[in-house]
Amino acid sequence: MTRQQLYEQIQRKKSYLCVGLDTDINKIPKHLLNLADPIYEFNRQIIDATSEYCVAFKPNLAFYEALGRMDCVA
């Protein structure tokens, strides 16, 4: 996101809200833990619930680094 895009989001939504995606696997609701990717689903639900008001999302990399290497297939 560029500075201009952020500014436009702030103006359009009349908000400065930035939501941190600090995903602690130990605090994810138990019903999500049965899914193939509970972290993705947890974050998706947070984003869906707040996107109307939020101008940016900030993942906290420390939470993801703590999970160790995760190979992705493109």
PDB file of N, CA and C in Angstrom:
ATOM      1  N   MET A   1       0.850  -1.161   0.000  1.00  0.00           N
ATOM      2  CA  MET A   1       0.000   0.000   0.000  1.00  0.00           C
ATOM      3  C   MET A   1       0.905   1.236   0.000  1.00  0.00           C
ATOM      4  N   THR A   2       0.620   2.130  -0.897  1.00  0.00           N
ATOM      5  CA  THR A   2       1.390   3.372  -0.949  1.00  0.00           C
ATOM      6  C   THR A   2       0.836   4.369   0.069  1.00  0.00           C
ATOM      7  N   ARG A   3       1.588   5.411   0.313  1.00  0.00           N
ATOM      8  CA  ARG A   3       1.131   6.462   1.215  1.00  0.00           C
ATOM      9  C   ARG A   3      -0.161   7.091   0.697  1.00  0.00           C
ATOM     10  N   GLN A   4      -0.238   7.288  -0.602  1.00  0.00           N
ATOM     11  CA  GLN A   4      -1.444   7.871  -1.207  1.00  0.00           C
ATOM     12  C   GLN A   4      -2.652   6.952  -1.021  1.00  0.00           C
ATOM     13  N   GLN A   5      -2.462   5.659  -1.218  1.00  0.00           N
ATOM     14  CA  GLN A   5      -3.564   4.711  -1.031  1.00  0.00           C
ATOM     15  C   GLN A   5      -4.034   4.694   0.422  1.00  0.00           C
ATOM     16  N   LEU A   6      -3.092   4.757   1.355  1.00  0.00           N
ATOM     17  CA  LEU A   6      -3.456   4.821   2.769  1.00  0.00           C
ATOM     18  C   LEU A   6      -4.248   6.087   3.053  1.00  0.00           C
ATOM     19  N   TYR A   7      -3.782   7.200   2.552  1.00  0.00           N
ATOM     20  CA  TYR A   7      -4.481   8.468   2.754  1.00  0.00           C
ATOM     21  C   TYR A   7      -5.911   8.387   2.206  1.00  0.00           C
ATOM     22  N   GLU A   8      -6.068   7.799   1.032  1.00  0.00           N
ATOM     23  CA  GLU A   8      -7.399   7.674   0.426  1.00  0.00           C
ATOM     24  C   GLU A   8      -8.306   6.776   1.267  1.00  0.00           C
ATOM     25  N   GLN A   9      -7.744   5.707   1.816  1.00  0.00           N
ATOM     26  CA  GLN A   9      -8.539   4.832   2.695  1.00  0.00           C
ATOM     27  C   GLN A   9      -8.984   5.584   3.951  1.00  0.00           C
ATOM     28  N   ILE A  10      -8.086   6.361   4.530  1.00  0.00           N
ATOM     29  CA  ILE A  10      -8.412   7.145   5.723  1.00  0.00           C
ATOM     30  C   ILE A  10      -9.536   8.122   5.414  1.00  0.00           C
ATOM     31  N   GLN A  11      -9.440   8.801   4.296  1.00  0.00           N
ATOM     32  CA  GLN A  11     -10.464   9.771   3.916  1.00  0.00           C
ATOM     33  C   GLN A  11     -11.803   9.087   3.629  1.00  0.00           C
ATOM     34  N   ARG A  12     -11.780   7.983   2.911  1.00  0.00           N
ATOM     35  CA  ARG A  12     -13.009   7.295   2.519  1.00  0.00           C
ATOM     36  C   ARG A  12     -13.720   6.667   3.720  1.00  0.00           C
ATOM     37  N   LYS A  13     -12.941   6.080   4.611  1.00  0.00           N
ATOM     38  CA  LYS A  13     -13.532   5.374   5.750  1.00  0.00           C
ATOM     39  C   LYS A  13     -13.655   6.240   7.003  1.00  0.00           C
ATOM     40  N   LYS A  14     -13.041   7.428   6.938  1.00  0.00           N
ATOM     41  CA  LYS A  14     -13.031   8.320   8.103  1.00  0.00           C
ATOM     42  C   LYS A  14     -12.530   7.567   9.345  1.00  0.00           C
ATOM     43  N   SER A  15     -11.398   6.919   9.156  1.00  0.00           N
ATOM     44  CA  SER A  15     -10.838   6.064  10.199  1.00  0.00           C
ATOM     45  C   SER A  15      -9.325   6.006  10.069  1.00  0.00           C
ATOM     46  N   TYR A  16      -8.676   5.777  11.209  1.00  0.00           N
ATOM     47  CA  TYR A  16      -7.231   5.538  11.239  1.00  0.00           C
ATOM     48  C   TYR A  16      -6.933   4.127  11.735  1.00  0.00           C
ATOM     49  N   LEU A  17      -7.956   3.301  11.828  1.00  0.00           N
ATOM     50  CA  LEU A  17      -7.823   1.984  12.440  1.00  0.00           C
ATOM     51  C   LEU A  17      -6.893   1.073  11.643  1.00  0.00           C
ATOM     52  N   CYS A  18      -5.891   0.551  12.335  1.00  0.00           N
ATOM     53  CA  CYS A  18      -4.995  -0.472  11.791  1.00  0.00           C
ATOM     54  C   CYS A  18      -5.129  -1.683  12.707  1.00  0.00           C
ATOM     55  N   VAL A  19      -5.483  -2.812  12.157  1.00  0.00           N
ATOM     56  CA  VAL A  19      -5.701  -4.025  12.942  1.00  0.00           C
ATOM     57  C   VAL A  19      -4.461  -4.906  12.865  1.00  0.00           C
ATOM     58  N   GLY A  20      -3.942  -5.249  14.034  1.00  0.00           N
ATOM     59  CA  GLY A  20      -2.807  -6.154  14.103  1.00  0.00           C
ATOM     60  C   GLY A  20      -3.275  -7.591  14.026  1.00  0.00           C
ATOM     61  N   LEU A  21      -2.639  -8.371  13.190  1.00  0.00           N
ATOM     62  CA  LEU A  21      -2.951  -9.796  13.068  1.00  0.00           C
ATOM     63  C   LEU A  21      -1.904 -10.565  13.871  1.00  0.00           C
ATOM     64  N   ASP A  22      -2.109 -10.575  15.181  1.00  0.00           N
ATOM     65  CA  ASP A  22      -1.172 -11.189  16.122  1.00  0.00           C
ATOM     66  C   ASP A  22      -1.697 -12.573  16.482  1.00  0.00           C
ATOM     67  N   THR A  23      -1.497 -13.499  15.593  1.00  0.00           N
ATOM     68  CA  THR A  23      -2.125 -14.802  15.701  1.00  0.00           C
ATOM     69  C   THR A  23      -1.325 -15.751  16.580  1.00  0.00           C
ATOM     70  N   ASP A  24      -1.827 -15.989  17.771  1.00  0.00           N
ATOM     71  CA  ASP A  24      -1.241 -16.953  18.686  1.00  0.00           C
ATOM     72  C   ASP A  24      -2.036 -18.247  18.543  1.00  0.00           C
ATOM     73  N   ILE A  25      -1.412 -19.288  18.035  1.00  0.00           N
ATOM     74  CA  ILE A  25      -2.105 -20.554  17.772  1.00  0.00           C
ATOM     75  C   ILE A  25      -2.781 -21.088  19.029  1.00  0.00           C
ATOM     76  N   ASN A  26      -2.258 -20.769  20.201  1.00  0.00           N
ATOM     77  CA  ASN A  26      -2.836 -21.241  21.459  1.00  0.00           C
ATOM     78  C   ASN A  26      -4.110 -20.494  21.845  1.00  0.00           C
ATOM     79  N   LYS A  27      -4.407 -19.402  21.151  1.00  0.00           N
ATOM     80  CA  LYS A  27      -5.594 -18.608  21.481  1.00  0.00           C
ATOM     81  C   LYS A  27      -6.647 -18.625  20.385  1.00  0.00           C
ATOM     82  N   ILE A  28      -6.414 -19.408  19.345  1.00  0.00           N
ATOM     83  CA  ILE A  28      -7.402 -19.528  18.277  1.00  0.00           C
ATOM     84  C   ILE A  28      -8.579 -20.343  18.810  1.00  0.00           C
ATOM     85  N   PRO A  29      -9.810 -19.921  18.515  1.00  0.00           N
ATOM     86  CA  PRO A  29     -10.972 -20.688  18.980  1.00  0.00           C
ATOM     87  C   PRO A  29     -10.878 -22.158  18.546  1.00  0.00           C
ATOM     88  N   LYS A  30     -11.256 -23.032  19.457  1.00  0.00           N
ATOM     89  CA  LYS A  30     -11.096 -24.470  19.224  1.00  0.00           C
ATOM     90  C   LYS A  30     -11.817 -24.961  17.969  1.00  0.00           C
ATOM     91  N   HIS A  31     -12.954 -24.358  17.622  1.00  0.00           N
ATOM     92  CA  HIS A  31     -13.684 -24.831  16.443  1.00  0.00           C
ATOM     93  C   HIS A  31     -12.919 -24.576  15.141  1.00  0.00           C
ATOM     94  N   LEU A  32     -11.975 -23.646  15.162  1.00  0.00           N
ATOM     95  CA  LEU A  32     -11.173 -23.387  13.961  1.00  0.00           C
ATOM     96  C   LEU A  32      -9.975 -24.329  13.836  1.00  0.00           C
ATOM     97  N   LEU A  33      -9.579 -24.927  14.938  1.00  0.00           N
ATOM     98  CA  LEU A  33      -8.390 -25.784  14.925  1.00  0.00           C
ATOM     99  C   LEU A  33      -8.583 -27.046  14.096  1.00  0.00           C
ATOM    100  N   ASN A  34      -9.818 -27.411  13.798  1.00  0.00           N
ATOM    101  CA  ASN A  34     -10.088 -28.605  12.988  1.00  0.00           C
ATOM    102  C   ASN A  34      -9.966 -28.330  11.492  1.00  0.00           C
ATOM    103  N   LEU A  35      -9.823 -27.082  11.106  1.00  0.00           N
ATOM    104  CA  LEU A  35      -9.736 -26.724   9.689  1.00  0.00           C
ATOM    105  C   LEU A  35      -8.326 -26.955   9.155  1.00  0.00           C
ATOM    106  N   ALA A  36      -8.208 -27.042   7.845  1.00  0.00           N
ATOM    107  CA  ALA A  36      -6.915 -27.295   7.209  1.00  0.00           C
ATOM    108  C   ALA A  36      -5.887 -26.210   7.550  1.00  0.00           C
ATOM    109  N   ASP A  37      -6.317 -24.954   7.607  1.00  0.00           N
ATOM    110  CA  ASP A  37      -5.411 -23.842   7.906  1.00  0.00           C
ATOM    111  C   ASP A  37      -6.088 -22.903   8.904  1.00  0.00           C
ATOM    112  N   PRO A  38      -6.047 -23.238  10.189  1.00  0.00           N
ATOM    113  CA  PRO A  38      -6.766 -22.446  11.192  1.00  0.00           C
ATOM    114  C   PRO A  38      -6.258 -21.007  11.315  1.00  0.00           C
ATOM    115  N   ILE A  39      -4.974 -20.788  11.097  1.00  0.00           N
ATOM    116  CA  ILE A  39      -4.435 -19.425  11.189  1.00  0.00           C
ATOM    117  C   ILE A  39      -5.006 -18.567  10.071  1.00  0.00           C
ATOM    118  N   TYR A  40      -5.021 -19.091   8.870  1.00  0.00           N
ATOM    119  CA  TYR A  40      -5.603 -18.356   7.744  1.00  0.00           C
ATOM    120  C   TYR A  40      -7.073 -18.040   8.016  1.00  0.00           C
ATOM    121  N   GLU A  41      -7.824 -19.025   8.450  1.00  0.00           N
ATOM    122  CA  GLU A  41      -9.258 -18.826   8.687  1.00  0.00           C
ATOM    123  C   GLU A  41      -9.504 -17.811   9.798  1.00  0.00           C
ATOM    124  N   PHE A  42      -8.719 -17.881  10.861  1.00  0.00           N
ATOM    125  CA  PHE A  42      -8.851 -16.933  11.969  1.00  0.00           C
ATOM    126  C   PHE A  42      -8.606 -15.507  11.483  1.00  0.00           C
ATOM    127  N   ASN A  43      -7.510 -15.313  10.740  1.00  0.00           N
ATOM    128  CA  ASN A  43      -7.206 -13.981  10.216  1.00  0.00           C
ATOM    129  C   ASN A  43      -8.245 -13.517   9.199  1.00  0.00           C
ATOM    130  N   ARG A  44      -8.718 -14.432   8.370  1.00  0.00           N
ATOM    131  CA  ARG A  44      -9.740 -14.073   7.380  1.00  0.00           C
ATOM    132  C   ARG A  44     -10.996 -13.561   8.064  1.00  0.00           C
ATOM    133  N   GLN A  45     -11.397 -14.214   9.142  1.00  0.00           N
ATOM    134  CA  GLN A  45     -12.592 -13.783   9.853  1.00  0.00           C
ATOM    135  C   GLN A  45     -12.391 -12.414  10.512  1.00  0.00           C
ATOM    136  N   ILE A  46     -11.198 -12.167  11.029  1.00  0.00           N
ATOM    137  CA  ILE A  46     -10.899 -10.843  11.602  1.00  0.00           C
ATOM    138  C   ILE A  46     -10.960  -9.780  10.510  1.00  0.00           C
ATOM    139  N   ILE A  47     -10.346 -10.063   9.374  1.00  0.00           N
ATOM    140  CA  ILE A  47     -10.338  -9.103   8.263  1.00  0.00           C
ATOM    141  C   ILE A  47     -11.755  -8.854   7.768  1.00  0.00           C
ATOM    142  N   ASP A  48     -12.535  -9.909   7.592  1.00  0.00           N
ATOM    143  CA  ASP A  48     -13.920  -9.750   7.132  1.00  0.00           C
ATOM    144  C   ASP A  48     -14.734  -8.901   8.103  1.00  0.00           C
ATOM    145  N   ALA A  49     -14.517  -9.093   9.401  1.00  0.00           N
ATOM    146  CA  ALA A  49     -15.300  -8.384  10.413  1.00  0.00           C
ATOM    147  C   ALA A  49     -14.909  -6.917  10.562  1.00  0.00           C
ATOM    148  N   THR A  50     -13.674  -6.568  10.174  1.00  0.00           N
ATOM    149  CA  THR A  50     -13.197  -5.205  10.424  1.00  0.00           C
ATOM    150  C   THR A  50     -12.914  -4.380   9.167  1.00  0.00           C
ATOM    151  N   SER A  51     -12.980  -4.995   8.002  1.00  0.00           N
ATOM    152  CA  SER A  51     -12.547  -4.307   6.777  1.00  0.00           C
ATOM    153  C   SER A  51     -13.352  -3.053   6.456  1.00  0.00           C
ATOM    154  N   GLU A  52     -14.584  -2.974   6.920  1.00  0.00           N
ATOM    155  CA  GLU A  52     -15.398  -1.784   6.668  1.00  0.00           C
ATOM    156  C   GLU A  52     -14.816  -0.549   7.357  1.00  0.00           C
ATOM    157  N   TYR A  53     -14.140  -0.766   8.475  1.00  0.00           N
ATOM    158  CA  TYR A  53     -13.629   0.341   9.295  1.00  0.00           C
ATOM    159  C   TYR A  53     -12.113   0.482   9.248  1.00  0.00           C
ATOM    160  N   CYS A  54     -11.435  -0.587   8.923  1.00  0.00           N
ATOM    161  CA  CYS A  54      -9.984  -0.643   9.004  1.00  0.00           C
ATOM    162  C   CYS A  54      -9.342  -0.118   7.720  1.00  0.00           C
ATOM    163  N   VAL A  55      -8.262   0.637   7.866  1.00  0.00           N
ATOM    164  CA  VAL A  55      -7.559   1.155   6.691  1.00  0.00           C
ATOM    165  C   VAL A  55      -6.300   0.349   6.383  1.00  0.00           C
ATOM    166  N   ALA A  56      -5.859  -0.481   7.332  1.00  0.00           N
ATOM    167  CA  ALA A  56      -4.660  -1.293   7.105  1.00  0.00           C
ATOM    168  C   ALA A  56      -4.654  -2.474   8.072  1.00  0.00           C
ATOM    169  N   PHE A  57      -3.970  -3.526   7.670  1.00  0.00           N
ATOM    170  CA  PHE A  57      -3.769  -4.697   8.510  1.00  0.00           C
ATOM    171  C   PHE A  57      -2.277  -4.915   8.649  1.00  0.00           C
ATOM    172  N   LYS A  58      -1.845  -5.273   9.865  1.00  0.00           N
ATOM    173  CA  LYS A  58      -0.419  -5.453  10.119  1.00  0.00           C
ATOM    174  C   LYS A  58      -0.185  -6.811  10.773  1.00  0.00           C
ATOM    175  N   PRO A  59       0.345  -7.751   9.992  1.00  0.00           N
ATOM    176  CA  PRO A  59       0.698  -9.029  10.611  1.00  0.00           C
ATOM    177  C   PRO A  59       1.928  -8.858  11.501  1.00  0.00           C
ATOM    178  N   ASN A  60       1.892  -9.476  12.653  1.00  0.00           N
ATOM    179  CA  ASN A  60       3.040  -9.462  13.546  1.00  0.00           C
ATOM    180  C   ASN A  60       3.885 -10.685  13.213  1.00  0.00           C
ATOM    181  N   LEU A  61       4.973 -10.473  12.509  1.00  0.00           N
ATOM    182  CA  LEU A  61       5.777 -11.576  11.989  1.00  0.00           C
ATOM    183  C   LEU A  61       6.310 -12.504  13.073  1.00  0.00           C
ATOM    184  N   ALA A  62       6.496 -12.006  14.277  1.00  0.00           N
ATOM    185  CA  ALA A  62       7.018 -12.850  15.352  1.00  0.00           C
ATOM    186  C   ALA A  62       6.118 -14.046  15.613  1.00  0.00           C
ATOM    187  N   PHE A  63       4.798 -13.863  15.491  1.00  0.00           N
ATOM    188  CA  PHE A  63       3.875 -14.969  15.715  1.00  0.00           C
ATOM    189  C   PHE A  63       4.039 -16.041  14.636  1.00  0.00           C
ATOM    190  N   TYR A  64       4.326 -15.634  13.427  1.00  0.00           N
ATOM    191  CA  TYR A  64       4.477 -16.584  12.323  1.00  0.00           C
ATOM    192  C   TYR A  64       5.858 -17.222  12.342  1.00  0.00           C
ATOM    193  N   GLU A  65       6.863 -16.455  12.691  1.00  0.00           N
ATOM    194  CA  GLU A  65       8.214 -16.997  12.797  1.00  0.00           C
ATOM    195  C   GLU A  65       8.289 -18.055  13.889  1.00  0.00           C
ATOM    196  N   ALA A  66       7.511 -17.873  14.960  1.00  0.00           N
ATOM    197  CA  ALA A  66       7.509 -18.828  16.070  1.00  0.00           C
ATOM    198  C   ALA A  66       7.019 -20.203  15.632  1.00  0.00           C
ATOM    199  N   LEU A  67       6.258 -20.252  14.546  1.00  0.00           N
ATOM    200  CA  LEU A  67       5.743 -21.533  14.036  1.00  0.00           C
ATOM    201  C   LEU A  67       6.793 -22.308  13.254  1.00  0.00           C
ATOM    202  N   GLY A  68       7.903 -21.667  12.949  1.00  0.00           N
ATOM    203  CA  GLY A  68       8.959 -22.324  12.202  1.00  0.00           C
ATOM    204  C   GLY A  68       8.735 -22.235  10.713  1.00  0.00           C
ATOM    205  N   ARG A  69       9.609 -22.860   9.988  1.00  0.00           N
ATOM    206  CA  ARG A  69       9.557 -22.830   8.522  1.00  0.00           C
ATOM    207  C   ARG A  69       8.319 -23.555   8.031  1.00  0.00           C
ATOM    208  N   MET A  70       7.630 -22.896   7.114  1.00  0.00           N
ATOM    209  CA  MET A  70       6.448 -23.494   6.507  1.00  0.00           C
ATOM    210  C   MET A  70       6.609 -23.374   5.013  1.00  0.00           C
ATOM    211  N   ASP A  71       6.868 -24.482   4.337  1.00  0.00           N
ATOM    212  CA  ASP A  71       7.043 -24.471   2.893  1.00  0.00           C
ATOM    213  C   ASP A  71       5.694 -24.335   2.219  1.00  0.00           C
ATOM    214  N   CYS A  72       5.640 -23.449   1.245  1.00  0.00           N
ATOM    215  CA  CYS A  72       4.418 -23.216   0.491  1.00  0.00           C
ATOM    216  C   CYS A  72       4.611 -23.704  -0.935  1.00  0.00           C
ATOM    217  N   VAL A  73       3.585 -24.261  -1.483  1.00  0.00           N
ATOM    218  CA  VAL A  73       3.611 -24.697  -2.871  1.00  0.00           C
ATOM    219  C   VAL A  73       2.853 -23.671  -3.686  1.00  0.00           C
ATOM    220  N   ALA A  74       3.527 -23.113  -4.677  1.00  0.00           N
ATOM    221  CA  ALA A  74       2.887 -22.078  -5.501  1.00  0.00           C
ATOM    222  C   ALA A  74       2.128 -22.692  -6.640  1.00  0.00           C
TER     223      ALA A  74
END
